[in-house]
Each structure stands twice: as structure tokens, then as C-alpha cells.
């Protein structure tokens, strides 16, 4: 899910930069410079753990002796 959200945000960023370039607000090199960081969130790993990784569970209670 987070990958889809990041992809949509990147596409929105690129559309905004493209629109500003088409409107003549940005120069071509400035538009390319602003468009390059849009790929950065896609290259970063999400914080979610992959399946198959070992997960350690700690017991909340201390062991009790049986009388």
C-alpha cells in the first residue's frame, strides 16, 4: 500500500513540474532538476519488514516457580 501511495505522490509531483514547465514558469533545466528528486522516494525502502524475516518476541511476564 505504501508503495502505491509513494508512486501516486511521485506522479503528482512530476505532473505539477510538467505543468509549470508547460506554462512557462520554469526553465527546462530547472524543471529537470525538480523532477529528478521525484524518483527518490521510489528508490528508498519502506519501513515495513519483509516476509520471512525472523522476528523476536519477548515474554512480558517473568517465569514463575510451581509450588
N, C-alpha and C. Protein backbone atom coordinates (compact mmCIF):
# COMPACT_ATOMS: atom_id res chain seq x y z
N UNK A 1 0.82 -1.19 0.00
CA UNK A 1 0.00 0.00 0.00
C UNK A 1 0.86 1.25 0.00
N UNK A 2 1.91 1.26 0.81
CA UNK A 2 2.74 2.46 0.86
C UNK A 2 3.46 2.68 -0.46
N UNK A 3 3.78 1.62 -1.17
CA UNK A 3 4.43 1.77 -2.47
C UNK A 3 3.48 2.45 -3.45
N UNK A 4 2.21 2.10 -3.41
CA UNK A 4 1.23 2.73 -4.28
C UNK A 4 1.08 4.21 -3.95
N UNK A 5 1.06 4.54 -2.67
CA UNK A 5 0.94 5.94 -2.25
C UNK A 5 2.16 6.73 -2.70
N UNK A 6 3.36 6.15 -2.50
CA UNK A 6 4.57 6.84 -2.95
C UNK A 6 4.59 7.02 -4.46
N UNK A 7 4.12 6.03 -5.19
CA UNK A 7 4.08 6.14 -6.64
C UNK A 7 3.12 7.24 -7.08
N UNK A 8 1.97 7.31 -6.45
CA UNK A 8 0.99 8.35 -6.81
C UNK A 8 1.52 9.75 -6.46
N UNK A 9 2.20 9.89 -5.33
CA UNK A 9 2.78 11.19 -4.98
C UNK A 9 3.87 11.60 -5.96
N UNK A 10 4.68 10.64 -6.39
CA UNK A 10 5.72 10.94 -7.38
C UNK A 10 5.11 11.37 -8.70
N UNK A 11 4.06 10.68 -9.13
CA UNK A 11 3.40 11.05 -10.38
C UNK A 11 2.75 12.42 -10.27
N UNK A 12 2.17 12.74 -9.12
CA UNK A 12 1.59 14.07 -8.92
C UNK A 12 2.67 15.15 -8.97
N UNK A 13 3.82 14.87 -8.36
CA UNK A 13 4.93 15.82 -8.38
C UNK A 13 5.40 16.06 -9.82
N UNK A 14 5.56 14.97 -10.57
CA UNK A 14 6.01 15.10 -11.96
C UNK A 14 4.97 15.83 -12.81
N UNK A 15 3.71 15.58 -12.56
CA UNK A 15 2.66 16.29 -13.31
C UNK A 15 2.69 17.77 -12.98
N UNK A 16 2.90 18.12 -11.73
CA UNK A 16 2.98 19.52 -11.34
C UNK A 16 4.16 20.23 -11.96
N UNK A 17 5.32 19.59 -11.95
CA UNK A 17 6.51 20.18 -12.56
C UNK A 17 6.31 20.31 -14.07
N UNK A 18 5.72 19.29 -14.68
CA UNK A 18 5.45 19.36 -16.11
C UNK A 18 4.47 20.47 -16.47
N UNK A 19 3.48 20.65 -15.62
CA UNK A 19 2.50 21.71 -15.87
C UNK A 19 3.15 23.09 -15.74
N UNK A 20 4.00 23.27 -14.73
CA UNK A 20 4.69 24.54 -14.56
C UNK A 20 5.65 24.81 -15.72
N UNK A 21 6.28 23.76 -16.24
CA UNK A 21 7.18 23.93 -17.38
C UNK A 21 6.39 24.30 -18.63
N UNK A 22 5.25 23.63 -18.84
CA UNK A 22 4.41 23.95 -20.00
C UNK A 22 3.86 25.37 -19.91
N UNK A 23 3.57 25.84 -18.70
CA UNK A 23 3.02 27.19 -18.52
C UNK A 23 4.10 28.25 -18.69
N UNK A 24 5.34 27.85 -18.75
CA UNK A 24 6.43 28.80 -18.93
C UNK A 24 6.97 29.37 -17.64
N UNK A 25 6.54 28.83 -16.52
CA UNK A 25 7.01 29.33 -15.22
C UNK A 25 8.43 28.84 -14.96
N UNK A 26 8.73 27.61 -15.39
CA UNK A 26 10.05 27.02 -15.14
C UNK A 26 10.82 26.85 -16.45
N UNK A 27 12.11 27.02 -16.36
CA UNK A 27 13.00 26.73 -17.47
C UNK A 27 13.16 25.21 -17.58
N UNK A 28 13.61 24.72 -18.71
CA UNK A 28 13.72 23.27 -18.92
C UNK A 28 14.70 22.64 -17.94
N UNK A 29 15.84 23.28 -17.70
CA UNK A 29 16.83 22.70 -16.78
C UNK A 29 16.34 22.73 -15.33
N UNK A 30 15.62 23.77 -14.96
CA UNK A 30 15.06 23.83 -13.61
C UNK A 30 13.99 22.75 -13.45
N UNK A 31 13.18 22.55 -14.48
CA UNK A 31 12.14 21.51 -14.43
C UNK A 31 12.77 20.13 -14.30
N UNK A 32 13.85 19.88 -15.03
CA UNK A 32 14.53 18.60 -14.90
C UNK A 32 15.15 18.44 -13.52
N UNK A 33 15.69 19.53 -12.98
CA UNK A 33 16.26 19.48 -11.64
C UNK A 33 15.21 19.20 -10.58
N UNK A 34 14.01 19.72 -10.76
CA UNK A 34 12.93 19.46 -9.80
C UNK A 34 12.30 18.09 -10.01
N UNK A 35 12.38 17.56 -11.21
CA UNK A 35 11.78 16.26 -11.49
C UNK A 35 12.66 15.11 -11.01
N UNK A 36 13.96 15.33 -10.93
CA UNK A 36 14.88 14.25 -10.52
C UNK A 36 14.60 13.74 -9.11
N UNK A 37 14.35 14.60 -8.11
CA UNK A 37 14.09 14.07 -6.76
C UNK A 37 12.78 13.30 -6.63
N UNK A 38 11.93 13.35 -7.64
CA UNK A 38 10.67 12.61 -7.57
C UNK A 38 10.90 11.11 -7.56
N UNK A 39 12.02 10.65 -8.11
CA UNK A 39 12.32 9.22 -8.13
C UNK A 39 12.92 8.74 -6.81
N UNK A 40 13.35 9.67 -5.98
CA UNK A 40 14.00 9.30 -4.73
C UNK A 40 13.11 8.48 -3.79
N UNK A 41 11.84 8.86 -3.55
CA UNK A 41 11.01 8.03 -2.66
C UNK A 41 10.78 6.62 -3.19
N UNK A 42 10.83 6.44 -4.50
CA UNK A 42 10.64 5.10 -5.05
C UNK A 42 11.87 4.22 -4.83
N UNK A 43 13.04 4.85 -4.73
CA UNK A 43 14.25 4.07 -4.53
C UNK A 43 14.47 3.70 -3.06
N UNK A 44 13.89 4.48 -2.15
CA UNK A 44 14.06 4.20 -0.74
C UNK A 44 13.21 3.01 -0.31
N UNK A 45 13.73 2.24 0.60
CA UNK A 45 13.00 1.09 1.12
C UNK A 45 11.93 1.54 2.09
N UNK A 46 10.82 0.90 2.07
CA UNK A 46 9.79 1.24 3.05
C UNK A 46 10.19 0.68 4.41
N UNK A 47 9.57 1.18 5.46
CA UNK A 47 9.91 0.77 6.81
C UNK A 47 9.34 -0.58 7.19
N UNK A 48 8.47 -1.12 6.36
CA UNK A 48 7.84 -2.39 6.69
C UNK A 48 8.82 -3.54 6.51
N UNK A 49 8.71 -4.52 7.39
CA UNK A 49 9.60 -5.67 7.30
C UNK A 49 9.15 -6.60 6.18
N UNK A 50 10.12 -7.25 5.61
CA UNK A 50 9.80 -8.24 4.58
C UNK A 50 9.28 -9.51 5.22
N UNK A 51 8.51 -10.25 4.49
CA UNK A 51 8.06 -11.56 4.99
C UNK A 51 9.26 -12.49 5.04
N UNK A 52 9.26 -13.36 6.01
CA UNK A 52 10.33 -14.32 6.12
C UNK A 52 11.46 -13.88 7.04
N UNK A 53 11.48 -12.60 7.43
CA UNK A 53 12.50 -12.17 8.37
C UNK A 53 12.17 -12.71 9.75
N UNK A 54 13.19 -13.02 10.49
CA UNK A 54 12.97 -13.51 11.85
C UNK A 54 12.51 -12.36 12.73
N UNK A 55 11.50 -12.62 13.51
CA UNK A 55 11.03 -11.62 14.45
C UNK A 55 11.11 -12.23 15.85
N UNK A 56 11.76 -11.51 16.73
CA UNK A 56 11.95 -11.99 18.08
C UNK A 56 10.84 -11.45 18.97
N UNK A 57 10.25 -12.34 19.75
CA UNK A 57 9.16 -11.96 20.65
C UNK A 57 9.67 -12.10 22.06
N UNK A 58 9.50 -11.07 22.86
CA UNK A 58 9.92 -11.13 24.25
C UNK A 58 8.71 -11.39 25.12
N UNK A 59 8.92 -12.20 26.12
CA UNK A 59 7.85 -12.50 27.06
C UNK A 59 7.65 -11.32 27.99
N UNK A 60 6.42 -10.97 28.25
CA UNK A 60 6.14 -9.83 29.13
C UNK A 60 6.21 -10.24 30.60
N UNK A 61 5.95 -11.50 30.91
CA UNK A 61 5.96 -11.97 32.29
C UNK A 61 7.25 -12.69 32.61
N UNK A 62 7.69 -12.54 33.83
CA UNK A 62 8.85 -13.30 34.28
C UNK A 62 8.37 -14.73 34.61
N UNK A 63 9.20 -15.73 34.42
CA UNK A 63 8.80 -17.09 34.74
C UNK A 63 8.52 -17.26 36.23
N UNK A 64 7.50 -18.03 36.54
CA UNK A 64 7.14 -18.27 37.96
C UNK A 64 7.39 -19.73 38.29
N UNK A 65 7.77 -19.97 39.56
CA UNK A 65 8.04 -21.32 40.01
C UNK A 65 6.73 -21.98 40.44
N UNK A 66 6.61 -23.30 40.20
CA UNK A 66 5.42 -24.04 40.61
C UNK A 66 5.70 -24.64 41.99
N UNK A 67 4.79 -24.39 42.93
CA UNK A 67 4.96 -24.90 44.31
C UNK A 67 4.27 -26.20 44.50
